[in-house]
Amino acid sequence: MSISLCVLLWARPGEEEGLGRYEDRVLELVTEHGGRVLQRARTDGTGDEPLEIQLFTFESQSALDGYMQDERRLALADERDRVVARTEMMRVTLD
């Protein structure tokens, strides 16, 4: 059973471009794990809005787990912590 996700990302102050670069790197791994990035959108990040919004699908929970545990993604944890202030991930139903 496929899984669809919406991910909201907030950048640390001054790290808006860094967040984009980090996401460019880790999102390259999604397809290797049976996933697809359906959409990436950006706001201006003002107020309490997330800077980036992403929609994904994965073939299964194990495919998502494989992506989340990918050693290349995990190796970037320090960069992620430096540029990402907050992340919210939720399962969604796509029409």
N, C-alpha and C. Protein backbone atom coordinates (compact mmCIF):
# COMPACT_ATOMS: atom_id res chain seq x y z
N MET A 1 0.85 -1.18 0.00
CA MET A 1 0.00 0.00 0.00
C MET A 1 0.89 1.25 0.00
N SER A 2 0.62 2.15 -0.92
CA SER A 2 1.45 3.35 -1.02
C SER A 2 1.13 4.33 0.10
N ILE A 3 2.11 5.19 0.36
CA ILE A 3 2.01 6.18 1.42
C ILE A 3 2.26 7.55 0.79
N SER A 4 1.39 8.51 1.09
CA SER A 4 1.58 9.88 0.64
C SER A 4 1.85 10.75 1.86
N LEU A 5 2.79 11.67 1.71
CA LEU A 5 3.21 12.53 2.81
C LEU A 5 3.25 13.98 2.38
N CYS A 6 2.95 14.85 3.32
CA CYS A 6 3.19 16.28 3.18
C CYS A 6 4.21 16.65 4.25
N VAL A 7 5.28 17.32 3.82
CA VAL A 7 6.34 17.71 4.74
C VAL A 7 6.46 19.22 4.72
N LEU A 8 6.46 19.81 5.90
CA LEU A 8 6.62 21.26 6.07
C LEU A 8 7.97 21.50 6.74
N LEU A 9 8.74 22.45 6.20
CA LEU A 9 10.08 22.73 6.71
C LEU A 9 10.27 24.21 6.98
N TRP A 10 10.80 24.51 8.15
CA TRP A 10 11.13 25.87 8.54
C TRP A 10 12.64 26.00 8.60
N ALA A 11 13.17 27.08 8.03
CA ALA A 11 14.62 27.30 8.06
C ALA A 11 15.02 28.05 9.31
N ARG A 12 16.23 27.79 9.76
CA ARG A 12 16.81 28.62 10.81
C ARG A 12 17.05 30.01 10.22
N PRO A 13 16.98 31.05 11.03
CA PRO A 13 17.19 32.41 10.51
C PRO A 13 18.50 32.52 9.74
N GLY A 14 18.40 33.06 8.53
CA GLY A 14 19.57 33.24 7.68
C GLY A 14 19.98 32.00 6.92
N GLU A 15 19.28 30.88 7.09
CA GLU A 15 19.66 29.61 6.45
C GLU A 15 18.66 29.16 5.39
N GLU A 16 17.93 30.11 4.83
CA GLU A 16 16.93 29.76 3.83
C GLU A 16 17.56 29.06 2.62
N GLU A 17 18.65 29.59 2.12
CA GLU A 17 19.32 28.96 0.98
C GLU A 17 19.98 27.64 1.39
N GLY A 18 20.49 27.59 2.60
CA GLY A 18 21.08 26.35 3.10
C GLY A 18 20.06 25.24 3.19
N LEU A 19 18.84 25.57 3.60
CA LEU A 19 17.78 24.57 3.66
C LEU A 19 17.51 24.03 2.26
N GLY A 20 17.43 24.91 1.28
CA GLY A 20 17.20 24.48 -0.10
C GLY A 20 18.30 23.56 -0.60
N ARG A 21 19.55 23.90 -0.32
CA ARG A 21 20.67 23.06 -0.76
C ARG A 21 20.64 21.69 -0.08
N TYR A 22 20.35 21.70 1.22
CA TYR A 22 20.25 20.42 1.95
C TYR A 22 19.15 19.55 1.35
N GLU A 23 17.99 20.13 1.13
CA GLU A 23 16.87 19.37 0.58
C GLU A 23 17.18 18.87 -0.82
N ASP A 24 17.86 19.67 -1.64
CA ASP A 24 18.26 19.21 -2.97
C ASP A 24 19.05 17.90 -2.85
N ARG A 25 19.94 17.85 -1.91
CA ARG A 25 20.81 16.67 -1.74
C ARG A 25 20.03 15.44 -1.28
N VAL A 26 19.22 15.60 -0.24
CA VAL A 26 18.54 14.41 0.30
C VAL A 26 17.38 13.96 -0.58
N LEU A 27 16.76 14.87 -1.29
CA LEU A 27 15.64 14.47 -2.14
C LEU A 27 16.10 13.67 -3.35
N GLU A 28 17.37 13.78 -3.71
CA GLU A 28 17.91 12.95 -4.79
C GLU A 28 17.83 11.46 -4.45
N LEU A 29 17.75 11.14 -3.17
CA LEU A 29 17.75 9.75 -2.71
C LEU A 29 16.36 9.11 -2.75
N VAL A 30 15.33 9.91 -2.84
CA VAL A 30 13.95 9.42 -2.72
C VAL A 30 13.64 8.33 -3.74
N THR A 31 13.98 8.55 -5.00
CA THR A 31 13.62 7.57 -6.03
C THR A 31 14.32 6.23 -5.83
N GLU A 32 15.51 6.25 -5.23
CA GLU A 32 16.21 4.99 -4.96
C GLU A 32 15.48 4.12 -3.95
N HIS A 33 14.53 4.71 -3.25
CA HIS A 33 13.79 3.98 -2.21
C HIS A 33 12.31 3.83 -2.55
N GLY A 34 12.00 3.83 -3.83
CA GLY A 34 10.61 3.60 -4.25
C GLY A 34 9.71 4.78 -3.96
N GLY A 35 10.27 5.97 -3.94
CA GLY A 35 9.46 7.16 -3.68
C GLY A 35 9.50 8.12 -4.85
N ARG A 36 8.61 9.08 -4.80
CA ARG A 36 8.56 10.16 -5.79
C ARG A 36 8.27 11.47 -5.09
N VAL A 37 8.99 12.50 -5.45
CA VAL A 37 8.68 13.86 -4.99
C VAL A 37 7.67 14.40 -5.98
N LEU A 38 6.44 14.61 -5.52
CA LEU A 38 5.38 15.09 -6.40
C LEU A 38 5.43 16.59 -6.58
N GLN A 39 5.78 17.30 -5.52
CA GLN A 39 5.77 18.76 -5.57
C GLN A 39 6.66 19.33 -4.48
N ARG A 40 7.37 20.37 -4.84
CA ARG A 40 8.12 21.19 -3.87
C ARG A 40 7.65 22.61 -4.09
N ALA A 41 7.28 23.28 -3.03
CA ALA A 41 6.83 24.66 -3.13
C ALA A 41 7.49 25.46 -2.01
N ARG A 42 7.69 26.76 -2.25
CA ARG A 42 8.30 27.62 -1.25
C ARG A 42 7.39 28.81 -0.98
N THR A 43 7.40 29.22 0.27
CA THR A 43 6.75 30.46 0.66
C THR A 43 7.86 31.47 0.90
N ASP A 44 7.49 32.66 1.38
CA ASP A 44 8.56 33.60 1.75
C ASP A 44 9.05 33.36 3.16
N GLY A 45 8.42 32.40 3.86
CA GLY A 45 8.89 32.02 5.19
C GLY A 45 8.62 33.03 6.28
N THR A 46 7.79 34.02 6.01
CA THR A 46 7.54 35.03 7.03
C THR A 46 6.55 34.52 8.07
N GLY A 47 6.58 35.17 9.21
CA GLY A 47 5.69 34.78 10.29
C GLY A 47 5.98 33.36 10.72
N ASP A 48 4.94 32.58 10.89
CA ASP A 48 5.11 31.19 11.32
C ASP A 48 4.92 30.22 10.15
N GLU A 49 5.03 30.73 8.91
CA GLU A 49 4.87 29.87 7.75
C GLU A 49 6.12 29.02 7.52
N PRO A 50 5.94 27.79 7.07
CA PRO A 50 7.11 27.02 6.67
C PRO A 50 7.72 27.64 5.42
N LEU A 51 9.01 27.47 5.25
CA LEU A 51 9.66 27.96 4.03
C LEU A 51 9.41 27.03 2.86
N GLU A 52 9.41 25.71 3.12
CA GLU A 52 9.25 24.75 2.03
C GLU A 52 8.17 23.74 2.38
N ILE A 53 7.41 23.38 1.35
CA ILE A 53 6.33 22.39 1.46
C ILE A 53 6.60 21.33 0.40
N GLN A 54 6.56 20.07 0.80
CA GLN A 54 6.85 18.97 -0.13
C GLN A 54 5.74 17.93 -0.07
N LEU A 55 5.42 17.35 -1.22
CA LEU A 55 4.49 16.22 -1.30
C LEU A 55 5.25 15.04 -1.89
N PHE A 56 5.12 13.89 -1.23
CA PHE A 56 5.81 12.65 -1.64
C PHE A 56 4.82 11.51 -1.73
N THR A 57 5.21 10.49 -2.47
CA THR A 57 4.59 9.17 -2.35
C THR A 57 5.72 8.15 -2.23
N PHE A 58 5.47 7.11 -1.46
CA PHE A 58 6.38 5.97 -1.34
C PHE A 58 5.56 4.71 -1.58
N GLU A 59 6.20 3.70 -2.16
CA GLU A 59 5.52 2.45 -2.49
C GLU A 59 4.96 1.74 -1.26
N SER A 60 5.64 1.92 -0.13
CA SER A 60 5.25 1.19 1.09
C SER A 60 5.91 1.83 2.30
N GLN A 61 5.52 1.37 3.47
CA GLN A 61 6.16 1.84 4.69
C GLN A 61 7.63 1.44 4.70
N SER A 62 7.93 0.25 4.22
CA SER A 62 9.34 -0.17 4.22
C SER A 62 10.17 0.68 3.26
N ALA A 63 9.58 1.15 2.17
CA ALA A 63 10.30 2.05 1.26
C ALA A 63 10.58 3.38 1.95
N LEU A 64 9.60 3.92 2.66
CA LEU A 64 9.80 5.16 3.43
C LEU A 64 10.85 4.94 4.51
N ASP A 65 10.76 3.83 5.21
CA ASP A 65 11.75 3.53 6.25
C ASP A 65 13.16 3.46 5.66
N GLY A 66 13.28 2.86 4.49
CA GLY A 66 14.58 2.77 3.83
C GLY A 66 15.15 4.14 3.53
N TYR A 67 14.31 5.04 3.06
CA TYR A 67 14.75 6.42 2.80
C TYR A 67 15.17 7.11 4.10
N MET A 68 14.35 6.99 5.11
CA MET A 68 14.64 7.67 6.38
C MET A 68 15.93 7.14 7.02
N GLN A 69 16.26 5.87 6.78
CA GLN A 69 17.46 5.26 7.37
C GLN A 69 18.64 5.21 6.41
N ASP A 70 18.52 5.80 5.25
CA ASP A 70 19.62 5.79 4.28
C ASP A 70 20.86 6.42 4.91
N GLU A 71 21.97 5.71 4.86
CA GLU A 71 23.20 6.19 5.51
C GLU A 71 23.68 7.51 4.94
N ARG A 72 23.46 7.74 3.65
CA ARG A 72 23.86 9.02 3.05
C ARG A 72 23.04 10.17 3.60
N ARG A 73 21.75 9.92 3.81
CA ARG A 73 20.87 10.94 4.40
C ARG A 73 21.27 11.20 5.85
N LEU A 74 21.49 10.13 6.59
CA LEU A 74 21.86 10.26 8.00
C LEU A 74 23.21 10.95 8.18
N ALA A 75 24.11 10.78 7.22
CA ALA A 75 25.43 11.41 7.29
C ALA A 75 25.34 12.93 7.20
N LEU A 76 24.21 13.44 6.72
CA LEU A 76 24.00 14.88 6.59
C LEU A 76 23.26 15.48 7.79
N ALA A 77 23.15 14.74 8.87
CA ALA A 77 22.39 15.19 10.04
C ALA A 77 22.92 16.50 10.61
N ASP A 78 24.23 16.69 10.64
CA ASP A 78 24.76 17.94 11.18
C ASP A 78 24.36 19.13 10.31
N GLU A 79 24.41 18.94 9.00
CA GLU A 79 23.97 20.01 8.09
C GLU A 79 22.50 20.30 8.28
N ARG A 80 21.71 19.24 8.40
CA ARG A 80 20.27 19.41 8.61
C ARG A 80 20.00 20.20 9.89
N ASP A 81 20.67 19.83 10.96
CA ASP A 81 20.47 20.53 12.24
C ASP A 81 20.88 22.00 12.15
N ARG A 82 21.85 22.30 11.29
CA ARG A 82 22.32 23.67 11.15
C ARG A 82 21.33 24.54 10.38
N VAL A 83 20.60 23.96 9.42
CA VAL A 83 19.76 24.78 8.54
C VAL A 83 18.26 24.63 8.78
N VAL A 84 17.83 23.53 9.35
CA VAL A 84 16.39 23.29 9.54
C VAL A 84 16.01 23.54 11.00
N ALA A 85 15.09 24.47 11.20
CA ALA A 85 14.63 24.79 12.54
C ALA A 85 13.53 23.83 13.00
N ARG A 86 12.68 23.43 12.05
CA ARG A 86 11.51 22.62 12.43
C ARG A 86 11.01 21.87 11.20
N THR A 87 10.52 20.67 11.45
CA THR A 87 9.93 19.84 10.39
C THR A 87 8.63 19.25 10.90
N GLU A 88 7.62 19.28 10.07
CA GLU A 88 6.37 18.56 10.36
C GLU A 88 6.09 17.65 9.18
N MET A 89 5.81 16.39 9.47
CA MET A 89 5.50 15.42 8.42
C MET A 89 4.17 14.77 8.76
N MET A 90 3.29 14.72 7.76
CA MET A 90 1.98 14.13 7.99
C MET A 90 1.56 13.28 6.80
N ARG A 91 0.89 12.19 7.09
CA ARG A 91 0.33 11.37 6.02
C ARG A 91 -0.90 12.08 5.48
N VAL A 92 -1.04 12.05 4.17
CA VAL A 92 -2.16 12.71 3.53
C VAL A 92 -2.77 11.78 2.49
N THR A 93 -3.98 12.11 2.06
CA THR A 93 -4.62 11.43 0.97
C THR A 93 -4.64 12.40 -0.21
N LEU A 94 -4.13 11.95 -1.34
CA LEU A 94 -4.08 12.79 -2.53
C LEU A 94 -5.25 12.46 -3.44
N ASP A 95 -5.89 13.47 -3.95
CA ASP A 95 -7.01 13.27 -4.89
C ASP A 95 -6.51 13.15 -6.30
